[in-house]
Amino acid sequence: MAYDAYLYGMILRTNSFLLKGDYPKADTYGEILEKYSLPGGETGTCATVLLSLGRSVKMDGTYMGRTTMPFIQNFYKDKACDLTSLHLDESFDGLEDNVLVAGNTRTPLGQFQAFYADPNHRWNPPKEEDIRQAQSLPASSELYLRPMDKLIQTAGSSALPVLIQGAVGTHKGVVARRIHTKSATEGTTLMRLQCRDLTEKNWDMLLNNAASPIHATGYTVYLENVDTLPKDLQQQVGTYIEDTKMTHRHRVISSSCCDLSAEVARGQFSSRLYLQLSGFTINVPSLAQRKEDIPAFVNMMIPQYNTALAKSTVGMEPDAMELMVEFEWPLNLVQLEKVLRQMIAASSGFYITAAEVAAVLQNEMRKVSALPPAVDLSGTLEDIERRVIEQVLREENMNQSAAAKRLGIGRSTLWRKIAGSGGK
């Protein structure tokens, strides 16, 4: 499953005993009023708090034992908590502590010194891939999701398929994961299909695999960048969704970098597939539409990049921040993240100056102006298709296999299209 936070550290079962009256003195009796058990350790406690706030987490760290593993699994079974990294060591019971509580006095009792002194280290190393996936960049922050919060809440409580539309770099995947978290039930897994990489061949392989999750029930299926599907695959995917009642078997979420209704009107996207995917639509605003939030995004990211880059940047000079706000950010939040990281890495002072910002943003503008010219859209659809194929072939040094992969079609299909154009 997807998750907002990767939590690594000590995971144990904490048994708390609430005592009657004052804390007992030595050699005196204490009456237990109540006993309860909760996940403990910094990881267990943090997971419980984040889950109560509606976030999703992945837990990792100390090994689970014979008694702690079933307890942890049972406690989190109906919550958006990924336990797949936890390791079961059946040679021991697992970590537990007992806490005596009376009034304002709290005494924990455990065996942690013995645990860490044991030459048999019972903990997993943290996984870099998991850390990267859950990096707390502004895309996953409440500030980023704020304009869409009500829509996400509505989408999460509805069974309708959800279409997320937004320009390149607007982190539509973060919105999809949040909707999944809001609507996830016990055991629900997010299955992501990157439509940009989907070809006739691997779509057929997916359908012909009887064990494929797409044939099952109860997943959240995320069709990412559905607008990049070639026309023939649009028809195939639409037929499969309709014939197998996929939107009734799974929670279906899709994303697009363009307005699909406009593409349907232009005849560039299947109206059948569009109607199947657009039960509920969320439009993600571009960064240019949220200029007032840019200073908050920047200030939020600076401490994170300071940690990652071992820097001590305090902030930006006022003139520097003004330049950041005025910039158009054609690649949106993804571009802002990349640019700010570059500025902090290169900065030598506590404050990023206007000159430093101007130099980096000028370089960004040069990169945008150096992009290949837009394809000429004049003429018939066949003419436009031929020009697209020719441009991609040139960019791939006439490598037909690489060009076919980028175009999302089979090599034989590409060859037929080239032959059909008569070498024009």
Protein backbone atom coordinates (compact mmCIF):
# COMPACT_ATOMS: atom_id res chain seq x y z
CA MET A 1 0.00 0.00 0.00
CA ALA A 2 1.02 3.63 -0.41
CA TYR A 3 1.83 5.61 2.75
CA ASP A 4 2.53 9.11 3.99
CA ALA A 5 5.25 8.28 6.53
CA TYR A 6 7.92 5.60 6.93
CA LEU A 7 8.48 4.98 10.65
CA TYR A 8 11.62 3.17 11.74
CA GLY A 9 12.64 2.30 15.29
CA MET A 10 11.54 0.35 18.36
CA ILE A 11 8.21 -1.48 18.15
CA LEU A 12 6.92 -3.31 21.21
CA ARG A 13 3.88 -4.15 23.30
CA THR A 14 3.37 -1.81 26.22
CA ASN A 15 1.27 -3.12 29.12
CA SER A 16 0.10 -0.27 31.34
CA PHE A 17 -1.19 -0.79 34.88
CA LEU A 18 -3.25 2.04 36.38
CA LEU A 19 -2.94 1.85 40.18
CA LYS A 20 -5.41 2.94 42.80
CA GLY A 21 -4.40 5.88 44.96
CA ASP A 22 -0.82 7.04 45.41
CA TYR A 23 2.19 5.22 44.06
CA PRO A 24 2.96 2.37 46.54
CA LYS A 25 6.00 2.64 48.74
CA ALA A 26 8.56 -0.16 48.98
CA ASP A 27 7.24 -3.42 50.45
CA THR A 28 3.61 -2.23 50.32
CA TYR A 29 0.66 -3.48 48.29
CA GLY A 30 -0.68 -1.64 45.23
CA GLU A 31 -4.16 -2.24 43.80
CA ILE A 32 -4.49 -2.39 39.99
CA LEU A 33 -7.58 -0.54 38.80
CA GLU A 34 -7.11 -1.08 35.10
CA LYS A 35 -4.77 -2.82 32.68
CA TYR A 36 -4.51 -2.11 28.96
CA SER A 37 -2.02 -2.88 26.17
CA LEU A 38 -1.00 -0.66 23.25
CA PRO A 39 1.81 -0.64 20.68
CA GLY A 40 4.81 1.05 22.27
CA GLY A 41 8.28 2.26 21.43
CA GLU A 42 8.82 5.44 19.43
CA THR A 43 7.63 3.77 16.22
CA GLY A 44 4.53 2.11 17.65
CA THR A 45 3.46 5.24 19.52
CA CYS A 46 4.06 7.55 16.54
CA ALA A 47 2.18 5.20 14.19
CA THR A 48 -0.87 5.18 16.46
CA VAL A 49 -0.91 8.99 16.65
CA LEU A 50 -0.49 9.53 12.90
CA LEU A 51 -3.15 6.97 12.06
CA SER A 52 -5.58 8.72 14.41
CA LEU A 53 -4.97 11.91 12.39
CA GLY A 54 -5.91 10.18 9.14
CA ARG A 55 -2.39 9.59 7.81
CA SER A 56 -1.04 6.30 6.43
CA VAL A 57 2.24 4.79 7.65
CA LYS A 58 4.71 1.99 7.06
CA MET A 59 6.38 0.50 10.16
CA ASP A 60 9.84 -1.05 10.36
CA GLY A 61 12.54 -1.64 12.96
CA THR A 62 12.88 -4.17 15.77
CA TYR A 63 11.96 -7.80 15.15
CA MET A 64 8.57 -9.11 16.19
CA GLY A 65 8.39 -12.16 18.47
CA ARG A 66 5.94 -15.00 19.03
CA THR A 67 3.59 -12.91 21.19
CA THR A 68 4.19 -9.39 19.88
CA MET A 69 3.58 -10.14 16.18
CA PRO A 70 -0.07 -11.29 16.53
CA PHE A 71 -0.74 -8.40 18.92
CA ILE A 72 0.65 -5.78 16.49
CA GLN A 73 -1.11 -7.36 13.51
CA ASN A 74 -4.45 -7.45 15.30
CA PHE A 75 -4.17 -3.86 16.57
CA TYR A 76 -3.47 -2.40 13.10
CA LYS A 77 -5.55 -4.81 11.02
CA ASP A 78 -8.25 -2.28 10.11
CA LYS A 79 -5.95 0.74 9.81
CA ALA A 80 -3.94 2.26 6.95
CA CYS A 81 -0.71 0.73 8.28
CA ASP A 82 1.76 -1.28 6.16
CA LEU A 83 3.38 -4.06 8.25
CA THR A 84 5.03 -5.94 5.37
CA SER A 85 8.57 -5.03 6.47
CA LEU A 86 8.19 -6.44 10.00
CA HIS A 87 10.29 -9.55 10.60
CA LEU A 88 9.06 -12.42 12.80
CA ASP A 89 11.73 -14.08 14.96
CA GLU A 90 10.08 -17.11 16.56
CA SER A 91 13.08 -17.74 18.83
CA PHE A 92 11.84 -15.10 21.32
CA ASP A 93 8.58 -13.63 22.61
CA GLY A 94 9.29 -10.12 21.38
CA LEU A 95 9.86 -6.82 23.12
CA GLU A 96 7.44 -5.79 25.88
CA ASP A 97 7.49 -3.35 28.73
CA ASN A 98 5.25 -2.93 31.77
CA VAL A 99 4.38 0.55 32.98
CA LEU A 100 3.06 1.30 36.48
CA VAL A 101 0.99 4.49 36.59
CA ALA A 102 -0.30 6.24 39.72
CA GLY A 103 -1.22 9.91 39.64
CA ASN A 104 1.66 11.78 38.03
CA THR A 105 4.14 8.96 38.63
CA ARG A 106 5.01 6.58 35.82
CA THR A 107 7.58 3.76 36.07
CA PRO A 108 8.46 1.65 33.01
CA LEU A 109 9.96 -1.80 33.52
CA GLY A 110 11.60 -3.68 30.66
CA GLN A 111 14.57 -5.65 29.32
CA PHE A 112 15.96 -3.17 26.83
CA GLN A 113 19.55 -3.24 28.09
CA ALA A 114 19.66 -6.99 27.59
CA PHE A 115 18.03 -6.62 24.15
CA TYR A 116 20.68 -4.24 22.84
CA ALA A 117 23.54 -6.12 24.53
CA ASP A 118 22.52 -9.37 22.82
CA PRO A 119 25.03 -10.25 20.03
CA ASN A 120 22.07 -11.46 17.95
CA HIS A 121 20.85 -8.11 16.67
CA ARG A 122 17.11 -8.35 16.27
CA TRP A 123 16.26 -5.39 14.04
CA ASN A 124 16.02 -4.61 10.34
CA PRO A 125 18.23 -2.02 8.66
CA PRO A 126 16.18 0.98 7.45
CA LYS A 127 15.30 0.76 3.75
CA GLU A 128 16.33 3.72 1.59
CA GLU A 129 13.59 3.01 -0.96
CA ASP A 130 10.91 3.22 1.73
CA ILE A 131 12.41 6.44 3.07
CA ARG A 132 12.45 8.03 -0.39
CA GLN A 133 8.83 7.06 -1.05
CA ALA A 134 7.64 8.73 2.14
CA GLN A 135 9.86 11.83 2.11
CA SER A 136 7.83 14.57 3.76
CA LEU A 137 8.05 17.12 0.94
CA PRO A 138 5.34 19.75 0.62
CA ALA A 139 3.46 17.58 -1.87
CA SER A 140 2.28 15.45 1.05
CA SER A 141 1.66 18.36 3.39
CA GLU A 142 -1.66 19.71 4.48
CA LEU A 143 -0.76 23.03 2.85
CA TYR A 144 -0.39 21.41 -0.57
CA LEU A 145 -3.66 19.47 -0.28
CA ARG A 146 -5.66 22.29 1.31
CA PRO A 147 -7.40 23.60 -1.88
CA MET A 148 -8.58 20.04 -2.62
CA ASP A 149 -9.34 18.91 0.93
CA LYS A 150 -13.15 18.91 0.68
CA LEU A 151 -13.05 17.22 -2.72
CA ILE A 152 -10.67 14.55 -1.39
CA GLN A 153 -12.96 13.94 1.59
CA THR A 154 -15.96 13.59 -0.73
CA ALA A 155 -14.09 11.33 -3.14
CA GLY A 156 -12.84 9.17 -0.28
CA SER A 157 -16.34 8.57 1.02
CA SER A 158 -17.74 7.76 -2.42
CA ALA A 159 -17.46 4.57 -4.49
CA LEU A 160 -17.40 6.53 -7.76
CA PRO A 161 -14.27 6.35 -9.96
CA VAL A 162 -12.14 9.47 -9.52
CA LEU A 163 -10.34 11.39 -12.27
CA ILE A 164 -7.53 13.72 -11.11
CA GLN A 165 -6.49 16.37 -13.65
CA GLY A 166 -3.53 18.71 -13.37
CA ALA A 167 -0.48 19.95 -15.25
CA VAL A 168 2.89 18.19 -15.21
CA GLY A 169 4.58 18.39 -11.82
CA THR A 170 1.47 18.98 -9.70
CA HIS A 171 1.92 15.72 -7.74
CA LYS A 172 -1.38 14.16 -8.76
CA GLY A 173 -0.10 10.87 -7.32
CA VAL A 174 -0.12 12.41 -3.84
CA VAL A 175 -3.79 13.29 -4.26
CA ALA A 176 -4.50 9.73 -5.46
CA ARG A 177 -2.76 8.22 -2.42
CA ARG A 178 -4.67 10.49 -0.06
CA ILE A 179 -7.99 9.48 -1.63
CA HIS A 180 -6.93 5.84 -1.30
CA THR A 181 -6.09 6.39 2.38
CA LYS A 182 -9.42 8.07 3.04
CA SER A 183 -11.35 5.25 1.39
CA ALA A 184 -9.13 2.26 2.31
CA THR A 185 -10.68 -0.61 4.21
CA GLU A 186 -8.97 -3.56 5.85
CA GLY A 187 -6.42 -5.20 3.56
CA THR A 188 -6.88 -2.70 0.71
CA THR A 189 -3.80 -2.35 -1.51
CA LEU A 190 -3.01 0.41 -4.01
CA MET A 191 -2.08 -1.02 -7.42
CA ARG A 192 -0.45 1.56 -9.70
CA LEU A 193 -0.44 1.20 -13.49
CA GLN A 194 1.78 3.75 -15.25
CA CYS A 195 -0.12 4.24 -18.52
CA ARG A 196 2.87 5.98 -20.10
CA ASP A 197 4.70 2.64 -20.05
CA LEU A 198 1.71 0.51 -21.01
CA THR A 199 1.98 -1.20 -24.38
CA GLU A 200 -0.24 -3.68 -26.20
CA LYS A 201 2.17 -6.45 -25.23
CA ASN A 202 2.29 -5.85 -21.48
CA TRP A 203 -1.45 -5.08 -21.36
CA ASP A 204 -2.08 -8.50 -22.95
CA MET A 205 0.31 -10.09 -20.45
CA LEU A 206 -1.57 -8.43 -17.59
CA LEU A 207 -4.91 -9.69 -18.86
CA ASN A 208 -3.69 -13.20 -19.65
CA ASN A 209 -2.18 -13.71 -16.19
CA ALA A 210 -4.92 -15.42 -14.18
CA ALA A 211 -3.16 -14.42 -10.93
CA SER A 212 -3.07 -10.71 -11.84
CA PRO A 213 -4.64 -8.50 -9.13
CA ILE A 214 -6.57 -6.63 -11.81
CA HIS A 215 -8.88 -9.67 -12.09
CA ALA A 216 -9.43 -9.79 -8.32
CA THR A 217 -11.67 -7.69 -6.10
CA GLY A 218 -11.08 -5.00 -3.49
CA TYR A 219 -7.98 -3.18 -4.73
CA THR A 220 -7.52 0.50 -5.41
CA VAL A 221 -6.37 0.63 -9.04
CA TYR A 222 -4.53 3.85 -9.96
CA LEU A 223 -4.25 4.48 -13.73
CA GLU A 224 -1.53 7.13 -13.77
CA ASN A 225 -1.24 9.45 -16.80
CA VAL A 226 -4.20 7.83 -18.54
CA ASP A 227 -4.06 10.60 -21.15
CA THR A 228 -0.87 9.01 -22.58
CA LEU A 229 -2.64 5.80 -23.60
CA PRO A 230 -2.55 5.26 -27.39
CA LYS A 231 -5.98 5.26 -29.08
CA ASP A 232 -6.05 1.47 -29.60
CA LEU A 233 -5.22 0.85 -25.93
CA GLN A 234 -7.85 3.36 -24.84
CA GLN A 235 -10.43 1.17 -26.55
CA GLN A 236 -9.03 -2.05 -25.02
CA VAL A 237 -8.85 -0.64 -21.49
CA GLY A 238 -12.37 0.80 -21.82
CA THR A 239 -13.73 -2.52 -23.04
CA TYR A 240 -12.12 -4.41 -20.15
CA ILE A 241 -13.41 -1.96 -17.52
CA GLU A 242 -16.94 -2.17 -18.89
CA ASP A 243 -17.09 -5.91 -19.61
CA THR A 244 -15.63 -6.97 -16.25
CA LYS A 245 -17.42 -4.27 -14.20
CA MET A 246 -14.02 -3.22 -12.90
CA THR A 247 -15.32 -0.05 -11.24
CA HIS A 248 -17.63 -2.25 -9.13
CA ARG A 249 -14.84 -4.70 -8.18
CA HIS A 250 -12.11 -2.14 -7.45
CA ARG A 251 -11.76 1.47 -6.38
CA VAL A 252 -10.58 3.12 -9.63
CA ILE A 253 -8.56 6.34 -9.61
CA SER A 254 -6.96 7.84 -12.72
CA SER A 255 -4.90 10.93 -13.48
CA SER A 256 -4.31 13.08 -16.54
CA CYS A 257 -2.01 15.99 -17.38
CA CYS A 258 -4.66 17.56 -19.61
CA ASP A 259 -8.40 18.22 -19.67
CA LEU A 260 -9.77 14.89 -20.90
CA SER A 261 -13.17 16.35 -21.77
CA ALA A 262 -11.41 18.70 -24.20
CA GLU A 263 -9.47 15.76 -25.63
CA VAL A 264 -12.72 13.87 -26.12
CA ALA A 265 -14.17 16.88 -27.97
CA ARG A 266 -11.09 16.92 -30.23
CA GLY A 267 -11.45 13.21 -30.91
CA GLN A 268 -8.13 12.45 -29.22
CA PHE A 269 -9.49 10.43 -26.28
CA SER A 270 -12.10 7.71 -26.06
CA SER A 271 -15.44 9.09 -24.88
CA ARG A 272 -16.33 5.60 -23.62
CA LEU A 273 -13.23 5.40 -21.40
CA TYR A 274 -13.67 9.01 -20.25
CA LEU A 275 -17.22 8.33 -19.04
CA GLN A 276 -16.02 5.23 -17.16
CA LEU A 277 -13.26 7.12 -15.35
CA SER A 278 -14.84 10.51 -14.62
CA GLY A 279 -17.47 9.67 -12.03
CA PHE A 280 -15.89 12.36 -9.81
CA THR A 281 -13.29 14.87 -11.06
CA ILE A 282 -10.64 16.77 -9.07
CA ASN A 283 -8.66 19.52 -10.80
CA VAL A 284 -5.28 20.15 -9.15
CA PRO A 285 -4.31 23.85 -9.35
CA SER A 286 -0.97 24.78 -10.85
CA LEU A 287 1.71 26.53 -8.81
CA ALA A 288 1.10 29.69 -10.90
CA GLN A 289 -2.44 29.67 -9.49
CA ARG A 290 -1.10 29.45 -5.94
CA LYS A 291 1.61 32.11 -5.90
CA GLU A 292 0.56 33.23 -2.42
CA ASP A 293 1.57 29.80 -1.09
CA ILE A 294 5.08 29.79 -2.59
CA PRO A 295 6.79 31.43 0.46
CA ALA A 296 5.17 28.84 2.75
CA PHE A 297 6.29 26.00 0.47
CA VAL A 298 9.85 27.36 0.42
CA ASN A 299 10.03 27.82 4.19
CA MET A 300 8.65 24.32 4.68
CA MET A 301 11.26 22.73 2.43
CA ILE A 302 14.36 24.56 3.69
CA PRO A 303 14.76 22.56 6.96
CA GLN A 304 14.29 19.29 5.08
CA TYR A 305 16.95 20.13 2.51
CA ASN A 306 19.26 21.45 5.23
CA THR A 307 19.13 18.00 6.82
CA ALA A 308 19.60 16.16 3.53
CA LEU A 309 22.48 18.38 2.36
CA ALA A 310 24.12 19.14 5.73
CA LYS A 311 23.53 22.89 5.25
CA SER A 312 22.39 25.65 7.61
CA THR A 313 20.28 27.90 5.37
CA VAL A 314 17.92 30.07 7.44
CA GLY A 315 15.77 31.45 4.65
CA MET A 316 15.63 33.78 1.64
CA GLU A 317 16.23 37.51 1.39
CA PRO A 318 12.99 39.42 0.63
CA ASP A 319 14.09 40.28 -2.92
CA ALA A 320 14.99 36.63 -3.50
CA MET A 321 11.58 35.44 -2.36
CA GLU A 322 9.92 38.02 -4.60
CA LEU A 323 11.71 36.50 -7.60
CA MET A 324 10.48 33.04 -6.58
CA VAL A 325 6.89 34.28 -6.39
CA GLU A 326 7.11 36.07 -9.76
CA PHE A 327 8.47 33.02 -11.61
CA GLU A 328 5.83 31.12 -13.61
CA TRP A 329 6.96 27.56 -12.63
CA PRO A 330 5.90 25.72 -15.82
CA LEU A 331 6.75 22.38 -14.18
CA ASN A 332 4.99 23.31 -10.96
CA LEU A 333 5.85 21.92 -7.52
CA VAL A 334 8.29 19.32 -8.86
CA GLN A 335 10.30 22.14 -10.40
CA LEU A 336 10.15 24.22 -7.21
CA GLU A 337 11.48 21.29 -5.17
CA LYS A 338 14.36 20.70 -7.58
CA VAL A 339 15.27 24.39 -7.87
CA LEU A 340 15.25 25.05 -4.12
CA ARG A 341 17.40 22.00 -3.46
CA GLN A 342 19.90 23.30 -6.02
CA MET A 343 19.90 26.78 -4.43
CA ILE A 344 20.50 25.45 -0.93
CA ALA A 345 23.29 23.16 -2.13
CA ALA A 346 25.07 26.08 -3.82
CA SER A 347 24.43 28.75 -1.18
CA SER A 348 27.35 29.76 1.04
CA GLY A 349 25.49 31.99 3.49
CA PHE A 350 22.63 31.76 5.92
CA TYR A 351 20.25 33.50 3.52
CA ILE A 352 19.76 32.77 -0.19
CA THR A 353 20.30 36.02 -2.10
CA ALA A 354 18.38 37.49 -5.01
CA ALA A 355 21.47 37.04 -7.22
CA GLU A 356 21.60 33.32 -6.41
CA VAL A 357 17.89 32.91 -7.18
CA ALA A 358 18.16 34.89 -10.43
CA ALA A 359 21.05 32.73 -11.67
CA VAL A 360 19.19 29.47 -11.07
CA LEU A 361 15.89 30.71 -12.51
CA GLN A 362 17.59 32.05 -15.64
CA ASN A 363 19.06 28.60 -16.16
CA GLU A 364 15.58 27.09 -15.75
CA MET A 365 14.22 29.46 -18.40
CA ARG A 366 17.01 28.43 -20.79
CA LYS A 367 16.10 24.76 -20.29
CA VAL A 368 12.46 25.46 -21.11
CA SER A 369 13.36 27.45 -24.25
CA ALA A 370 15.67 24.60 -25.34
CA LEU A 371 12.84 22.06 -25.37
CA PRO A 372 11.93 20.65 -28.80
CA PRO A 373 9.40 22.76 -30.68
CA ALA A 374 5.78 21.76 -30.42
CA VAL A 375 4.51 19.41 -33.11
CA ASP A 376 2.71 21.12 -36.01
CA LEU A 377 -0.99 20.30 -35.54
CA SER A 378 -2.08 21.40 -39.00
CA GLY A 379 -3.35 18.94 -41.58
CA THR A 380 -5.11 15.63 -41.11
CA LEU A 381 -4.77 13.30 -38.13
CA GLU A 382 -2.58 11.05 -40.30
CA ASP A 383 -0.29 14.02 -41.04
CA ILE A 384 0.00 14.90 -37.34
CA GLU A 385 0.71 11.28 -36.41
CA ARG A 386 3.44 11.05 -39.06
CA ARG A 387 5.13 14.23 -37.76
CA VAL A 388 5.04 12.92 -34.17
CA ILE A 389 6.62 9.62 -35.24
CA GLU A 390 9.32 11.43 -37.23
CA GLN A 391 10.17 13.71 -34.30
CA VAL A 392 10.39 10.83 -31.80
CA LEU A 393 12.53 8.80 -34.22
CA ARG A 394 14.95 11.73 -34.60
CA GLU A 395 15.15 12.18 -30.83
CA GLU A 396 15.89 8.45 -30.45
CA ASN A 397 18.56 8.50 -33.22
CA MET A 398 16.25 6.47 -35.52
CA ASN A 399 16.15 3.57 -33.00
CA GLN A 400 12.74 2.04 -33.76
CA SER A 401 12.60 -0.05 -30.56
CA ALA A 402 13.22 3.01 -28.37
CA ALA A 403 10.78 5.11 -30.39
CA ALA A 404 8.05 2.46 -30.15
CA LYS A 405 8.50 2.28 -26.38
CA ARG A 406 8.16 6.06 -26.03
CA LEU A 407 5.10 6.10 -28.28
CA GLY A 408 3.50 3.30 -26.29
CA ILE A 409 3.04 1.00 -29.29
CA GLY A 410 4.60 -2.26 -30.44
CA ARG A 411 7.56 -2.21 -32.84
CA SER A 412 5.48 -3.97 -35.50
CA THR A 413 2.78 -1.29 -35.16
CA LEU A 414 5.40 1.43 -35.56
CA TRP A 415 6.82 -0.31 -38.64
CA ARG A 416 3.35 -0.51 -40.24
CA LYS A 417 2.75 3.17 -39.57
CA ILE A 418 6.12 4.09 -41.12
CA ALA A 419 5.46 1.84 -44.14
CA GLY A 420 1.92 3.18 -44.45
CA SER A 421 3.18 6.74 -44.68
CA GLY A 422 5.15 5.81 -47.78
CA GLY A 423 8.32 7.28 -46.31
CA LYS A 424 6.93 10.81 -46.51
